[in-house]
C-alpha cells in the first residue's frame, strides 16, 4: 500500500472521536447514572444524558483505537520498527509525561476552587475522605498510556509476521468480525463492572489489552485489507438494527446507579466487579452493541467522509490539543453553572460551546504556529 496516500476518512473520524470526548465528559455532569460519581454533577440530572452518554461510551474509544491501529500499521510499514517506536515515543509517551503532571495540578486546583465556592457540592465530595491511598491516575490521558503500550506490543508482533497474519486472518471476513469480536472482547469485559470503566490507573490493566487492544489490532488489519470495509457496506442496516436492539436491551440490564455508600466502598477497594450468569449475559449484550456501533461508524466514515477541506483539516490538526486540555477547562466552565438556576440543557450547551471556544482559540494562539504544535503533530503537510 502506498505510503503517500492520505486516508481522509480515518483522519476526519479520528478528529471527531477525540472531540466527542468533550461532548461525552460534559454530559456526565447531567447524567443520573453518574450523579454520585462525577466531580461537577448537577442537582437536577436528566435521563436524556444517560441515553446519550451510555451510547457514546460504547463506541467512541473502540473507534479511536481502530483508527490508532490503522495508522500504527501504516507508520510501521513505512518507517520500520526503530523509527516507528521513536515516532510513537515523541507523539504519545512524551506528551503524556509532560501534560499529565500539568493537568493533574489543574484538576486539583479546580476541585479546591469548587469546594470553596459551590453551595450544592456534588455528592462525590463527601466520599473523598474515605478514599484509601489514592492510586495514581492518568485521568483522560489514559488513552495515551494504553496506546503507547499497544504500539510496543504491535512492534513485537511485527517481528513475527506469521503470528500477525494469523491474527489478521481472524478479521478477514465481515461475519467473522461481527460474530467473533463480541465473544473475544467479552472474555475481558466479564471481569469488569458494567458499564466498563476507563483503564486510567498508571499501571498495566490487562483487561484493556483484551478489549481496546483487540480493536487496535482490528484497525491494524484494515490497513492491509481496506476491501473488508467495502465488504461490510451491505451490512450497515443490519449493524444499525443489531446496535439499536442490543443498546435497548443493554439499557434495561444496566445496574442501578451507585449510591454514595457504594461509591465509598468502590473507593476503598479501588475497583468494582460483578460475576455470574446474569452478569455474563449483560456483558455479551454490551459487547454486541460495542461491536455493532463501532463497525457502523467506521463503515459510514469510509463511505461518506473520504473527502477533506481546509476546515476538516484544521479541526483534525487541532483535535489532539483540544482533547489534551479540554477536561480542566470543561470543569472550570461547569463549576459556576452548578448553582445556576437554569435548565441543564442550557448548562450543557454553555459548557460545550465555551469549552470548545477556549480550546480552539488557545490552539490558534499558542499551538498551531509554535513549537507546541510541532511537538504534538509534527510538521503540517
Protein backbone atom coordinates (compact mmCIF):
# COMPACT_ATOMS: atom_id res chain seq x y z
CA UNK A 1 0.00 0.00 0.00
CA UNK A 2 1.33 3.45 -0.91
CA UNK A 3 2.88 5.37 1.97
CA UNK A 4 1.99 8.69 0.29
CA UNK A 5 -1.74 8.01 0.45
CA UNK A 6 -3.79 10.26 2.72
CA UNK A 7 -6.62 8.38 4.41
CA UNK A 8 -9.00 11.28 4.85
CA UNK A 9 -11.86 9.22 6.28
CA UNK A 10 -9.59 8.00 9.09
CA UNK A 11 -8.17 11.49 9.70
CA UNK A 12 -11.64 13.03 9.88
CA UNK A 13 -13.03 10.28 12.09
CA UNK A 14 -10.05 10.43 14.47
CA UNK A 15 -10.66 14.15 14.99
CA UNK A 16 -14.36 13.57 15.63
CA UNK A 17 -13.68 10.71 18.05
CA UNK A 18 -11.35 12.95 20.07
CA UNK A 19 -13.77 15.90 20.05
CA UNK A 20 -16.63 13.64 21.11
CA UNK A 21 -14.69 13.19 24.34
CA UNK A 22 -15.64 16.76 25.24
CA UNK A 23 -19.35 16.16 24.50
CA UNK A 24 -19.20 12.91 26.49
CA UNK A 25 -17.48 14.34 29.55
CA UNK A 26 -19.78 17.38 29.55
CA UNK A 27 -22.84 15.08 29.55
CA UNK A 28 -21.65 13.16 32.63
CA UNK A 29 -22.32 16.20 34.82
CA UNK A 30 -26.04 15.91 34.00
CA UNK A 31 -26.33 12.11 33.99
CA UNK A 32 -28.40 10.42 36.76
CA UNK A 33 -26.22 7.31 36.47
CA UNK A 34 -23.07 9.33 37.21
CA UNK A 35 -24.70 11.61 39.79
CA UNK A 36 -22.72 10.25 42.76
CA UNK A 37 -19.54 9.72 40.77
CA UNK A 38 -18.87 12.89 38.80
CA UNK A 39 -16.98 15.96 40.00
CA UNK A 40 -19.33 18.58 38.53
CA UNK A 41 -22.63 16.69 38.80
CA UNK A 42 -25.77 18.82 38.81
CA UNK A 43 -28.53 18.55 41.42
CA UNK A 44 -31.16 18.00 38.70
CA UNK A 45 -29.89 15.41 36.20
CA UNK A 46 -31.86 14.15 33.21
CA UNK A 47 -32.19 10.63 31.79
CA UNK A 48 -31.61 12.14 28.33
CA UNK A 49 -27.94 12.49 29.24
CA UNK A 50 -27.83 8.87 30.38
CA UNK A 51 -29.11 7.78 26.97
CA UNK A 52 -26.54 9.95 25.21
CA UNK A 53 -23.51 9.22 27.39
CA UNK A 54 -24.05 5.45 27.64
CA UNK A 55 -24.40 5.29 23.85
CA UNK A 56 -21.25 7.33 23.20
CA UNK A 57 -19.32 5.30 25.76
CA UNK A 58 -19.97 2.08 23.86
CA UNK A 59 -18.19 3.02 20.64
CA UNK A 60 -16.23 6.28 20.97
CA UNK A 61 -12.95 4.82 22.25
CA UNK A 62 -13.20 1.47 20.42
CA UNK A 63 -13.46 3.51 17.20
CA UNK A 64 -10.49 5.63 18.24
CA UNK A 65 -8.35 2.52 18.80
CA UNK A 66 -9.39 1.04 15.45
CA UNK A 67 -8.09 4.25 13.85
CA UNK A 68 -4.96 4.20 16.01
CA UNK A 69 -4.21 0.61 14.97
CA UNK A 70 -4.72 1.52 11.31
CA UNK A 71 -2.20 4.37 11.46
CA UNK A 72 0.21 2.34 13.60
CA UNK A 73 0.38 -0.28 10.85
CA UNK A 74 0.79 2.48 8.27
CA UNK A 75 3.73 4.02 10.20
CA UNK A 76 5.41 0.72 10.99
CA UNK A 77 5.18 -0.37 7.37
CA UNK A 78 6.57 2.96 6.17
CA UNK A 79 9.30 3.59 8.76
CA UNK A 80 10.38 0.24 10.19
CA UNK A 81 10.44 -0.76 13.87
CA UNK A 82 13.07 1.63 15.28
CA UNK A 83 11.75 4.75 13.58
CA UNK A 84 8.19 3.72 14.45
CA UNK A 85 8.99 3.37 18.16
CA UNK A 86 10.81 6.71 18.23
CA UNK A 87 7.87 8.39 16.45
CA UNK A 88 5.39 6.92 18.92
CA UNK A 89 7.61 7.96 21.84
CA UNK A 90 7.68 11.57 20.58
CA UNK A 91 3.96 11.79 19.78
CA UNK A 92 2.49 9.69 22.61
CA UNK A 93 4.84 8.98 25.52
CA UNK A 94 6.44 12.44 25.79
CA UNK A 95 3.11 14.35 25.67
CA UNK A 96 1.85 12.01 28.41
CA UNK A 97 4.90 12.68 30.58
CA UNK A 98 4.65 16.44 30.10
CA UNK A 99 0.90 17.03 30.20
CA UNK A 100 -0.13 14.57 32.91
CA UNK A 101 1.54 16.47 35.81
CA UNK A 102 0.29 19.81 34.49
CA UNK A 103 -3.28 18.59 34.02
CA UNK A 104 -3.26 16.85 37.41
CA UNK A 105 -2.31 20.15 39.08
CA UNK A 106 -5.04 21.95 37.11
CA UNK A 107 -7.57 19.28 38.17
CA UNK A 108 -6.68 19.58 41.87
CA UNK A 109 -6.82 23.38 41.73
CA UNK A 110 -10.26 23.17 40.06
CA UNK A 111 -11.53 20.81 42.77
CA UNK A 112 -10.33 23.12 45.53
CA UNK A 113 -11.97 26.09 43.84
CA UNK A 114 -15.20 24.10 43.51
CA UNK A 115 -15.14 23.04 47.16
CA UNK A 116 -14.74 26.65 48.30
CA UNK A 117 -17.32 28.30 46.03
CA UNK A 118 -20.16 25.89 45.20
CA UNK A 119 -23.16 25.67 47.53
CA UNK A 120 -24.65 22.45 46.08
CA UNK A 121 -21.46 20.43 46.12
CA UNK A 122 -21.61 17.15 44.15
CA UNK A 123 -22.05 14.04 46.33
CA UNK A 124 -18.60 12.71 45.38
CA UNK A 125 -17.00 15.33 47.66
CA UNK A 126 -18.49 13.63 50.72
CA UNK A 127 -16.72 10.41 49.73
CA UNK A 128 -13.22 11.82 49.28
CA UNK A 129 -12.33 11.46 52.97
CA UNK A 130 -12.99 7.70 52.77
CA UNK A 131 -10.58 7.16 49.91
CA UNK A 132 -7.70 4.88 50.76
CA UNK A 133 -4.25 5.82 49.48
CA UNK A 134 -5.03 7.47 46.15
CA UNK A 135 -3.88 5.48 43.15
CA UNK A 136 -2.02 7.41 40.50
CA UNK A 137 -4.44 8.12 37.67
CA UNK A 138 -3.77 9.07 34.07
CA UNK A 139 -7.16 10.85 34.05
CA UNK A 140 -8.47 11.38 30.50
CA UNK A 141 -4.93 10.76 29.18
CA UNK A 142 -5.37 7.05 29.81
CA UNK A 143 -5.72 6.58 26.06
CA UNK A 144 -2.09 7.72 25.59
CA UNK A 145 -0.83 5.36 28.28
CA UNK A 146 -2.66 2.41 26.73
CA UNK A 147 -1.94 3.40 23.14
CA UNK A 148 1.80 3.50 23.76
CA UNK A 149 1.60 0.02 25.30
CA UNK A 150 -0.37 -1.27 22.31
CA UNK A 151 2.27 0.16 19.96
CA UNK A 152 5.04 -1.65 21.86
CA UNK A 153 3.12 -4.94 21.64
CA UNK A 154 2.41 -4.38 17.95
CA UNK A 155 6.10 -3.71 17.25
CA UNK A 156 6.91 -7.02 18.96
CA UNK A 157 4.28 -8.86 16.93
CA UNK A 158 5.75 -7.26 13.81
CA UNK A 159 8.86 -9.37 14.37
CA UNK A 160 6.73 -12.48 13.87
CA UNK A 161 4.79 -11.83 10.68
CA UNK A 162 3.29 -15.32 10.78
CA UNK A 163 1.59 -14.62 14.11
CA UNK A 164 0.41 -11.21 12.94
CA UNK A 165 -1.01 -12.61 9.69
CA UNK A 166 -2.86 -15.28 11.66
CA UNK A 167 -4.45 -12.60 13.85
CA UNK A 168 -5.37 -10.54 10.79
CA UNK A 169 -6.95 -13.59 9.19
CA UNK A 170 -9.47 -13.69 12.04
CA UNK A 171 -10.67 -10.27 10.86
CA UNK A 172 -10.62 -11.00 7.13
CA UNK A 173 -14.36 -11.55 6.59
CA UNK A 174 -17.39 -9.48 7.66
CA UNK A 175 -19.19 -12.26 9.51
CA UNK A 176 -16.07 -13.36 11.37
CA UNK A 177 -15.72 -9.80 12.71
CA UNK A 178 -19.40 -9.36 13.55
CA UNK A 179 -19.69 -12.76 15.28
CA UNK A 180 -16.23 -13.38 16.77
CA UNK A 181 -15.36 -9.91 18.01
CA UNK A 182 -18.12 -9.69 20.68
CA UNK A 183 -17.09 -13.12 22.00
CA UNK A 184 -13.40 -12.15 22.15
CA UNK A 185 -13.88 -8.86 23.98
CA UNK A 186 -16.42 -10.40 26.38
CA UNK A 187 -13.61 -12.52 27.82
CA UNK A 188 -12.01 -9.34 29.17
CA UNK A 189 -15.15 -7.35 29.90
CA UNK A 190 -16.58 -10.16 32.04
CA UNK A 191 -14.15 -9.17 34.80
CA UNK A 192 -15.25 -5.54 34.72
CA UNK A 193 -18.21 -3.65 36.09
CA UNK A 194 -20.99 -2.72 33.64
CA UNK A 195 -20.62 -0.22 32.10
CA UNK A 196 -16.86 -0.75 31.76
CA UNK A 197 -14.73 1.96 33.33
CA UNK A 198 -11.69 3.73 31.87
CA UNK A 199 -8.35 1.91 32.38
CA UNK A 200 -6.85 5.05 33.91
CA UNK A 201 -4.50 3.59 36.51
CA UNK A 202 -0.81 4.24 35.99
CA UNK A 203 -0.13 0.53 35.65
CA UNK A 204 -0.87 -2.10 33.02
CA UNK A 205 -4.55 -3.07 33.17
CA UNK A 206 -4.61 -6.28 31.18
CA UNK A 207 -8.35 -6.26 30.57
CA UNK A 208 -7.79 -3.14 28.47
CA UNK A 209 -5.37 -5.06 26.24
CA UNK A 210 -8.02 -7.74 25.76
CA UNK A 211 -10.62 -5.09 24.92
CA UNK A 212 -9.21 -1.90 23.41
CA UNK A 213 -6.10 -3.79 22.27
CA UNK A 214 -8.29 -6.07 20.16
CA UNK A 215 -9.82 -3.06 18.41
CA UNK A 216 -6.30 -1.72 17.85
CA UNK A 217 -5.38 -4.98 16.08
CA UNK A 218 -8.63 -4.86 14.11
CA UNK A 219 -7.69 -1.41 12.84
CA UNK A 220 -4.19 -2.62 12.00
CA UNK A 221 -5.72 -5.42 9.92
CA UNK A 222 -7.82 -2.87 7.98
CA UNK A 223 -4.65 -1.17 6.72
CA UNK A 224 -3.76 -4.14 4.50
CA UNK A 225 -7.37 -5.10 3.84
CA UNK A 226 -9.43 -1.99 3.07
CA UNK A 227 -11.58 -4.27 0.92
CA UNK A 228 -13.16 -5.52 4.15
CA UNK A 229 -14.77 -2.09 4.57
CA UNK A 230 -16.27 -2.45 1.10
CA UNK A 231 -17.47 -5.91 2.07
CA UNK A 232 -19.07 -4.50 5.24
CA UNK A 233 -21.13 -1.90 3.35
CA UNK A 234 -24.09 -4.24 2.69
CA UNK A 235 -24.22 -4.97 6.43
CA UNK A 236 -24.76 -1.37 7.54
CA UNK A 237 -28.54 -1.66 8.00
CA UNK A 238 -28.09 -4.91 9.94
CA UNK A 239 -25.38 -3.34 12.11
CA UNK A 240 -27.76 -0.47 12.87
CA UNK A 241 -30.62 -2.81 13.76
CA UNK A 242 -28.38 -5.03 15.91
CA UNK A 243 -26.88 -1.95 17.54
CA UNK A 244 -30.27 -0.37 18.28
CA UNK A 245 -31.79 -3.60 19.67
CA UNK A 246 -28.74 -4.54 21.74
CA UNK A 247 -28.49 -1.00 23.12
CA UNK A 248 -32.14 -1.11 24.17
CA UNK A 249 -31.58 -4.42 25.98
CA UNK A 250 -28.33 -3.09 27.45
CA UNK A 251 -30.12 -0.08 28.94
CA UNK A 252 -32.66 -2.37 30.58
CA UNK A 253 -29.91 -4.51 32.09
CA UNK A 254 -27.72 -1.73 33.43
CA UNK A 255 -27.27 -1.85 37.21
CA UNK A 256 -28.80 0.83 39.39
CA UNK A 257 -26.67 3.97 39.78
CA UNK A 258 -24.21 3.68 42.65
CA UNK A 259 -25.36 5.03 46.00
CA UNK A 260 -22.88 7.21 47.85
CA UNK A 261 -22.22 4.24 50.19
CA UNK A 262 -21.33 2.09 47.18
CA UNK A 263 -19.11 4.85 45.85
CA UNK A 264 -17.24 4.91 49.17
CA UNK A 265 -16.91 1.12 49.06
CA UNK A 266 -15.65 1.40 45.48
CA UNK A 267 -13.05 3.97 46.53
CA UNK A 268 -11.84 1.79 49.37
CA UNK A 269 -11.50 -1.27 47.13
CA UNK A 270 -10.19 0.65 44.15
CA UNK A 271 -12.42 -1.30 41.77
CA UNK A 272 -15.95 -2.59 41.20
CA UNK A 273 -16.64 -6.08 39.93
CA UNK A 274 -19.58 -8.38 39.21
CA UNK A 275 -19.85 -12.07 38.37
CA UNK A 276 -22.37 -14.76 37.48
CA UNK A 277 -24.58 -15.81 34.58
CA UNK A 278 -26.67 -12.64 34.68
CA UNK A 279 -23.54 -10.52 34.50
CA UNK A 280 -22.19 -12.65 31.65
CA UNK A 281 -25.37 -12.11 29.63
CA UNK A 282 -25.22 -8.36 30.24
CA UNK A 283 -21.56 -8.31 29.14
CA UNK A 284 -22.43 -10.20 25.93
CA UNK A 285 -25.21 -7.72 25.13
CA UNK A 286 -22.82 -4.87 25.87
CA UNK A 287 -20.15 -6.40 23.61
CA UNK A 288 -22.58 -6.92 20.73
CA UNK A 289 -23.61 -3.28 20.99
CA UNK A 290 -19.98 -2.10 21.17
CA UNK A 291 -19.03 -4.01 18.03
CA UNK A 292 -22.16 -3.11 16.05
CA UNK A 293 -21.92 0.64 16.67
CA UNK A 294 -18.14 0.72 16.22
CA UNK A 295 -18.25 -1.08 12.88
CA UNK A 296 -21.18 1.03 11.72
CA UNK A 297 -19.31 4.26 12.47
CA UNK A 298 -16.16 3.06 10.66
CA UNK A 299 -18.07 1.92 7.56
CA UNK A 300 -20.14 5.11 7.38
CA UNK A 301 -16.96 7.18 7.66
CA UNK A 302 -15.41 5.13 4.85
CA UNK A 303 -18.48 5.81 2.71
CA UNK A 304 -19.14 9.47 3.44
CA UNK A 305 -16.01 11.06 4.93
CA UNK A 306 -13.42 10.26 2.29
CA UNK A 307 -13.01 13.90 1.23
CA UNK A 308 -11.33 16.74 3.07
CA UNK A 309 -11.21 20.50 3.00
CA UNK A 310 -9.38 23.24 4.88
CA UNK A 311 -11.93 23.26 7.74
CA UNK A 312 -11.80 19.47 8.27
CA UNK A 313 -8.01 19.59 8.12
CA UNK A 314 -7.86 22.41 10.67
CA UNK A 315 -10.16 20.52 13.07
CA UNK A 316 -8.04 17.40 12.59
CA UNK A 317 -4.85 19.33 13.39
CA UNK A 318 -6.43 20.93 16.48
CA UNK A 319 -8.18 17.84 17.88
CA UNK A 320 -5.16 16.43 19.76
CA UNK A 321 -4.58 19.69 21.64
CA UNK A 322 -8.28 20.16 22.29
CA UNK A 323 -8.59 16.70 23.81
CA UNK A 324 -5.47 17.11 25.95
CA UNK A 325 -6.65 20.30 27.67
CA UNK A 326 -10.44 20.04 27.49
CA UNK A 327 -11.06 18.33 30.84
CA UNK A 328 -9.83 21.01 33.27
CA UNK A 329 -11.24 23.71 31.00
CA UNK A 330 -14.64 21.99 31.00
CA UNK A 331 -14.56 21.64 34.79
CA UNK A 332 -13.85 25.35 35.21
CA UNK A 333 -16.74 26.19 32.90
CA UNK A 334 -19.18 23.81 34.60
CA UNK A 335 -18.32 24.68 38.22
CA UNK A 336 -20.03 28.12 38.20
CA UNK A 337 -23.02 26.55 36.45
CA UNK A 338 -23.73 24.07 39.28
CA UNK A 339 -25.63 26.62 41.40
CA UNK A 340 -27.18 28.43 38.42
CA UNK A 341 -30.99 28.25 38.24
CA UNK A 342 -31.29 27.45 34.56
CA UNK A 343 -32.17 24.35 32.55
CA UNK A 344 -29.47 21.68 32.50
CA UNK A 345 -29.83 21.58 28.71
CA UNK A 346 -28.79 25.23 28.64
CA UNK A 347 -25.98 24.42 31.06
CA UNK A 348 -24.83 21.61 28.79
CA UNK A 349 -24.87 23.83 25.70
CA UNK A 350 -22.98 26.61 27.50
CA UNK A 351 -20.34 24.22 28.86
CA UNK A 352 -19.70 22.60 25.46
CA UNK A 353 -19.67 25.83 23.44
CA UNK A 354 -17.44 27.81 25.81
CA UNK A 355 -15.01 24.90 26.27
CA UNK A 356 -14.74 24.43 22.50
CA UNK A 357 -14.15 28.16 22.01
CA UNK A 358 -11.43 28.31 24.68
CA UNK A 359 -9.71 25.16 23.40
CA UNK A 360 -9.73 26.16 19.72
CA UNK A 361 -8.71 29.75 20.49
CA UNK A 362 -5.81 28.53 22.62
CA UNK A 363 -4.80 26.20 19.78
CA UNK A 364 -4.76 29.11 17.30
CA UNK A 365 -2.88 31.48 19.62
CA UNK A 366 -0.42 29.19 21.40
CA UNK A 367 -0.10 25.93 19.47
CA UNK A 368 -0.70 25.97 15.72
CA UNK A 369 2.26 28.17 14.76
CA UNK A 370 4.54 27.36 17.70
CA UNK A 371 6.89 24.65 18.89
CA UNK A 372 3.96 23.07 20.82
CA UNK A 373 2.16 22.28 17.56
CA UNK A 374 5.35 20.87 16.09
CA UNK A 375 5.84 18.79 19.23
CA UNK A 376 2.32 17.36 19.21
CA UNK A 377 1.63 16.93 15.49
CA UNK A 378 4.95 17.25 13.66
CA UNK A 379 5.23 19.34 10.52
CA UNK A 380 1.89 20.07 8.88
CA UNK A 381 1.50 18.73 5.36
